[in-house]
Amino acid sequence: MLKLNEQIYDAIRRHGEETYPYECCGVLLGRFADGSNEVEEAVRAGNIRTDSAHNRYQIAPEELVKIQRRGRERGLDIVGFYHSHPDHPAQWSKTDLAEAHWIGCSYVITAVIHGVAQATNSFLLTGTGEEDKAFEQEATLVAALEAERC
């Protein structure tokens, strides 16, 4: 299960709207806990794909390392990734699976139709390696933010 708060969920969807008609992408920092990926921060990343940024994304390796270090400094792990599908359903593609390598991580996809975020789905990358990796639909729990106490 993927767990995140409304603010993070909304930020992911807004990122997709802002980059439309190109794919956005980012990294989810958080903790692996009791069979869930609990997200504490969504970090925007640049899409370095220049050949087909409207239907592909790639995060620069040095940017990914920088984000991973940022997380470790706060005691967080990379628990997933997100990207948008402009004018395409929020379902993984063969390319998404081929380019996914972080077993146990959540891969969140938001369909952005005519510039407006629609469905957002999460898929858990399962398996033991490249030979048997697969995406499984993953339940997503979006929790309301607690009001600050005075």
C-alpha atoms as a PDB file:
ATOM      1  CA  MET A   1       0.000   0.000   0.000  1.00  0.00           C
ATOM      2  CA  LEU A   2       1.125   3.547  -0.764  1.00  0.00           C
ATOM      3  CA  LYS A   3       0.421   6.080   1.987  1.00  0.00           C
ATOM      4  CA  LEU A   4       0.708   9.830   1.506  1.00  0.00           C
ATOM      5  CA  ASN A   5      -1.014  12.987   2.662  1.00  0.00           C
ATOM      6  CA  GLU A   6      -3.287  15.269   0.628  1.00  0.00           C
ATOM      7  CA  GLN A   7      -0.608  17.930   0.206  1.00  0.00           C
ATOM      8  CA  ILE A   8       1.847  15.486  -1.404  1.00  0.00           C
ATOM      9  CA  TYR A   9      -0.880  13.890  -3.538  1.00  0.00           C
ATOM     10  CA  ASP A  10      -2.013  17.303  -4.785  1.00  0.00           C
ATOM     11  CA  ALA A  11       1.592  18.398  -5.452  1.00  0.00           C
ATOM     12  CA  ILE A  12       2.214  15.346  -7.665  1.00  0.00           C
ATOM     13  CA  ARG A  13      -0.937  16.021  -9.677  1.00  0.00           C
ATOM     14  CA  ARG A  14      -0.196  19.761  -9.952  1.00  0.00           C
ATOM     15  CA  HIS A  15       3.323  18.965 -11.227  1.00  0.00           C
ATOM     16  CA  GLY A  16       1.772  16.963 -14.067  1.00  0.00           C
ATOM     17  CA  GLU A  17      -0.518  19.852 -14.965  1.00  0.00           C
ATOM     18  CA  GLU A  18       2.356  22.351 -14.934  1.00  0.00           C
ATOM     19  CA  THR A  19       4.534  20.318 -17.313  1.00  0.00           C
ATOM     20  CA  TYR A  20       1.723  19.355 -19.707  1.00  0.00           C
ATOM     21  CA  PRO A  21       2.003  18.385 -22.580  1.00  0.00           C
ATOM     22  CA  TYR A  22       5.260  16.815 -21.390  1.00  0.00           C
ATOM     23  CA  GLU A  23       5.731  14.150 -18.743  1.00  0.00           C
ATOM     24  CA  CYS A  24       6.722  15.314 -15.289  1.00  0.00           C
ATOM     25  CA  CYS A  25       8.730  13.104 -12.970  1.00  0.00           C
ATOM     26  CA  GLY A  26       9.874  12.978  -9.402  1.00  0.00           C
ATOM     27  CA  VAL A  27      11.017  10.886  -6.466  1.00  0.00           C
ATOM     28  CA  LEU A  28       9.073   9.827  -3.384  1.00  0.00           C
ATOM     29  CA  LEU A  29      11.012   9.921  -0.120  1.00  0.00           C
ATOM     30  CA  GLY A  30       9.712   8.163   2.970  1.00  0.00           C
ATOM     31  CA  ARG A  31       9.840   4.908   4.864  1.00  0.00           C
ATOM     32  CA  PHE A  32       9.130   1.248   4.208  1.00  0.00           C
ATOM     33  CA  ALA A  33       6.803   0.275   7.067  1.00  0.00           C
ATOM     34  CA  ASP A  34       4.623  -2.790   7.684  1.00  0.00           C
ATOM     35  CA  GLY A  35       4.255  -3.655   4.009  1.00  0.00           C
ATOM     36  CA  SER A  36       3.518  -0.047   3.069  1.00  0.00           C
ATOM     37  CA  ASN A  37       5.489   2.681   1.369  1.00  0.00           C
ATOM     38  CA  GLU A  38       4.867   5.784   3.491  1.00  0.00           C
ATOM     39  CA  VAL A  39       5.688   8.990   1.630  1.00  0.00           C
ATOM     40  CA  GLU A  40       6.906  12.027   3.537  1.00  0.00           C
ATOM     41  CA  GLU A  41       8.084  14.114   0.597  1.00  0.00           C
ATOM     42  CA  ALA A  42       7.655  14.258  -3.169  1.00  0.00           C
ATOM     43  CA  VAL A  43      10.748  15.756  -4.786  1.00  0.00           C
ATOM     44  CA  ARG A  44      10.367  17.186  -8.266  1.00  0.00           C
ATOM     45  CA  ALA A  45      12.982  16.096 -10.781  1.00  0.00           C
ATOM     46  CA  GLY A  46      13.801  17.320 -14.243  1.00  0.00           C
ATOM     47  CA  ASN A  47      12.823  15.200 -17.225  1.00  0.00           C
ATOM     48  CA  ILE A  48      16.010  14.988 -19.272  1.00  0.00           C
ATOM     49  CA  ARG A  49      14.370  13.179 -22.212  1.00  0.00           C
ATOM     50  CA  THR A  50      14.691  15.406 -25.257  1.00  0.00           C
ATOM     51  CA  ASP A  51      13.635  12.906 -27.912  1.00  0.00           C
ATOM     52  CA  SER A  52      10.093  12.221 -26.691  1.00  0.00           C
ATOM     53  CA  ALA A  53       9.374  14.062 -23.434  1.00  0.00           C
ATOM     54  CA  HIS A  54       5.658  13.942 -24.236  1.00  0.00           C
ATOM     55  CA  ASN A  55       5.573  10.180 -23.570  1.00  0.00           C
ATOM     56  CA  ARG A  56       8.843   9.283 -21.811  1.00  0.00           C
ATOM     57  CA  TYR A  57      10.773  10.471 -18.801  1.00  0.00           C
ATOM     58  CA  GLN A  58      14.230  10.049 -17.370  1.00  0.00           C
ATOM     59  CA  ILE A  59      15.785  11.455 -14.223  1.00  0.00           C
ATOM     60  CA  ALA A  60      19.473  12.336 -14.515  1.00  0.00           C
ATOM     61  CA  PRO A  61      21.562   9.892 -12.445  1.00  0.00           C
ATOM     62  CA  GLU A  62      23.364  12.719 -10.652  1.00  0.00           C
ATOM     63  CA  GLU A  63      20.018  14.307  -9.714  1.00  0.00           C
ATOM     64  CA  LEU A  64      18.767  10.972  -8.386  1.00  0.00           C
ATOM     65  CA  VAL A  65      21.904  10.592  -6.240  1.00  0.00           C
ATOM     66  CA  LYS A  66      21.435  14.129  -4.912  1.00  0.00           C
ATOM     67  CA  ILE A  67      17.805  13.381  -3.973  1.00  0.00           C
ATOM     68  CA  GLN A  68      18.819  10.086  -2.349  1.00  0.00           C
ATOM     69  CA  ARG A  69      21.438  11.891  -0.240  1.00  0.00           C
ATOM     70  CA  ARG A  70      18.869  14.524   0.743  1.00  0.00           C
ATOM     71  CA  GLY A  71      16.600  11.736   1.949  1.00  0.00           C
ATOM     72  CA  ARG A  72      19.308   9.913   3.864  1.00  0.00           C
ATOM     73  CA  GLU A  73      20.217  13.116   5.693  1.00  0.00           C
ATOM     74  CA  ARG A  74      16.644  13.117   6.997  1.00  0.00           C
ATOM     75  CA  GLY A  75      16.504   9.371   7.663  1.00  0.00           C
ATOM     76  CA  LEU A  76      14.340   8.709   4.597  1.00  0.00           C
ATOM     77  CA  ASP A  77      14.618   6.219   1.744  1.00  0.00           C
ATOM     78  CA  ILE A  78      13.511   6.380  -1.862  1.00  0.00           C
ATOM     79  CA  VAL A  79      10.167   4.553  -1.637  1.00  0.00           C
ATOM     80  CA  GLY A  80       8.936   5.381  -5.109  1.00  0.00           C
ATOM     81  CA  PHE A  81       8.784   7.506  -8.193  1.00  0.00           C
ATOM     82  CA  TYR A  82       6.061   9.405  -9.979  1.00  0.00           C
ATOM     83  CA  HIS A  83       5.396  10.643 -13.478  1.00  0.00           C
ATOM     84  CA  SER A  84       2.536  11.851 -15.608  1.00  0.00           C
ATOM     85  CA  HIS A  85       0.929  10.490 -18.752  1.00  0.00           C
ATOM     86  CA  PRO A  86      -0.222  13.430 -20.881  1.00  0.00           C
ATOM     87  CA  ASP A  87      -3.448  12.538 -22.697  1.00  0.00           C
ATOM     88  CA  HIS A  88      -2.980   8.869 -21.795  1.00  0.00           C
ATOM     89  CA  PRO A  89      -4.432   6.646 -19.032  1.00  0.00           C
ATOM     90  CA  ALA A  90      -2.824   6.326 -15.604  1.00  0.00           C
ATOM     91  CA  GLN A  91      -1.632   2.801 -16.409  1.00  0.00           C
ATOM     92  CA  TRP A  92       1.922   1.568 -16.782  1.00  0.00           C
ATOM     93  CA  SER A  93       3.320   0.980 -20.249  1.00  0.00           C
ATOM     94  CA  LYS A  94       5.825  -1.596 -21.474  1.00  0.00           C
ATOM     95  CA  THR A  95       8.419   1.183 -21.444  1.00  0.00           C
ATOM     96  CA  ASP A  96       7.540   2.084 -17.840  1.00  0.00           C
ATOM     97  CA  LEU A  97       8.153  -1.529 -16.810  1.00  0.00           C
ATOM     98  CA  ALA A  98      11.344  -1.867 -18.843  1.00  0.00           C
ATOM     99  CA  GLU A  99      12.775   1.290 -17.251  1.00  0.00           C
ATOM    100  CA  ALA A 100      11.694   0.497 -13.666  1.00  0.00           C
ATOM    101  CA  HIS A 101      14.476  -1.029 -11.558  1.00  0.00           C
ATOM    102  CA  TRP A 102      13.715  -0.289  -7.905  1.00  0.00           C
ATOM    103  CA  ILE A 103      12.092  -3.496  -6.618  1.00  0.00           C
ATOM    104  CA  GLY A 104       9.731  -2.788  -3.714  1.00  0.00           C
ATOM    105  CA  CYS A 105       9.153   0.808  -4.746  1.00  0.00           C
ATOM    106  CA  SER A 106       5.867   2.418  -5.758  1.00  0.00           C
ATOM    107  CA  TYR A 107       5.483   3.887  -9.234  1.00  0.00           C
ATOM    108  CA  VAL A 108       2.763   6.530  -9.312  1.00  0.00           C
ATOM    109  CA  ILE A 109       1.229   7.618 -12.611  1.00  0.00           C
ATOM    110  CA  THR A 110      -1.184  10.515 -13.108  1.00  0.00           C
ATOM    111  CA  ALA A 111      -3.197  10.871 -16.291  1.00  0.00           C
ATOM    112  CA  VAL A 112      -3.234  14.525 -17.362  1.00  0.00           C
ATOM    113  CA  ILE A 113      -5.958  15.007 -19.946  1.00  0.00           C
ATOM    114  CA  HIS A 114      -5.970  18.315 -21.839  1.00  0.00           C
ATOM    115  CA  GLY A 115      -3.864  19.835 -19.054  1.00  0.00           C
ATOM    116  CA  VAL A 116      -6.018  18.658 -16.140  1.00  0.00           C
ATOM    117  CA  ALA A 117      -4.963  15.884 -13.747  1.00  0.00           C
ATOM    118  CA  GLN A 118      -7.447  13.033 -13.792  1.00  0.00           C
ATOM    119  CA  ALA A 119      -6.829   9.543 -12.385  1.00  0.00           C
ATOM    120  CA  THR A 120      -3.757   8.797 -10.285  1.00  0.00           C
ATOM    121  CA  ASN A 121      -2.735   5.176  -9.773  1.00  0.00           C
ATOM    122  CA  SER A 122       0.133   3.442  -8.023  1.00  0.00           C
ATOM    123  CA  PHE A 123       1.928   0.254  -8.996  1.00  0.00           C
ATOM    124  CA  LEU A 124       4.318  -1.710  -6.803  1.00  0.00           C
ATOM    125  CA  LEU A 125       7.382  -3.118  -8.578  1.00  0.00           C
ATOM    126  CA  THR A 126       7.650  -6.738  -7.437  1.00  0.00           C
ATOM    127  CA  GLY A 127      10.046  -9.578  -8.155  1.00  0.00           C
ATOM    128  CA  THR A 128      13.638 -10.394  -7.308  1.00  0.00           C
ATOM    129  CA  GLY A 129      15.386  -8.839 -10.311  1.00  0.00           C
ATOM    130  CA  GLU A 130      15.160  -7.835 -13.954  1.00  0.00           C
ATOM    131  CA  GLU A 131      14.144 -11.331 -15.067  1.00  0.00           C
ATOM    132  CA  ASP A 132      10.929 -11.562 -13.057  1.00  0.00           C
ATOM    133  CA  LYS A 133      10.021  -7.971 -12.197  1.00  0.00           C
ATOM    134  CA  ALA A 134       6.373  -7.004 -12.578  1.00  0.00           C
ATOM    135  CA  PHE A 135       4.003  -4.199 -11.675  1.00  0.00           C
ATOM    136  CA  GLU A 136       1.104  -4.925  -9.332  1.00  0.00           C
ATOM    137  CA  GLN A 137      -1.741  -2.471  -8.819  1.00  0.00           C
ATOM    138  CA  GLU A 138      -1.259  -0.938  -5.398  1.00  0.00           C
ATOM    139  CA  ALA A 139      -3.868   0.508  -3.061  1.00  0.00           C
ATOM    140  CA  THR A 140      -3.305   4.178  -2.281  1.00  0.00           C
ATOM    141  CA  LEU A 141      -4.288   5.800   0.990  1.00  0.00           C
ATOM    142  CA  VAL A 142      -4.453   9.595   0.855  1.00  0.00           C
ATOM    143  CA  ALA A 143      -4.732  10.870   4.412  1.00  0.00           C
ATOM    144  CA  ALA A 144      -6.131  14.242   5.382  1.00  0.00           C
ATOM    145  CA  LEU A 145      -3.681  16.632   6.992  1.00  0.00           C
ATOM    146  CA  GLU A 146      -4.150  16.992  10.713  1.00  0.00           C
ATOM    147  CA  ALA A 147      -4.984  20.493  11.872  1.00  0.00           C
ATOM    148  CA  GLU A 148      -2.223  22.139  13.854  1.00  0.00           C
ATOM    149  CA  ARG A 149      -2.883  22.228  17.551  1.00  0.00           C
ATOM    150  CA  CYS A 150      -2.663  25.515  19.415  1.00  0.00           C
END
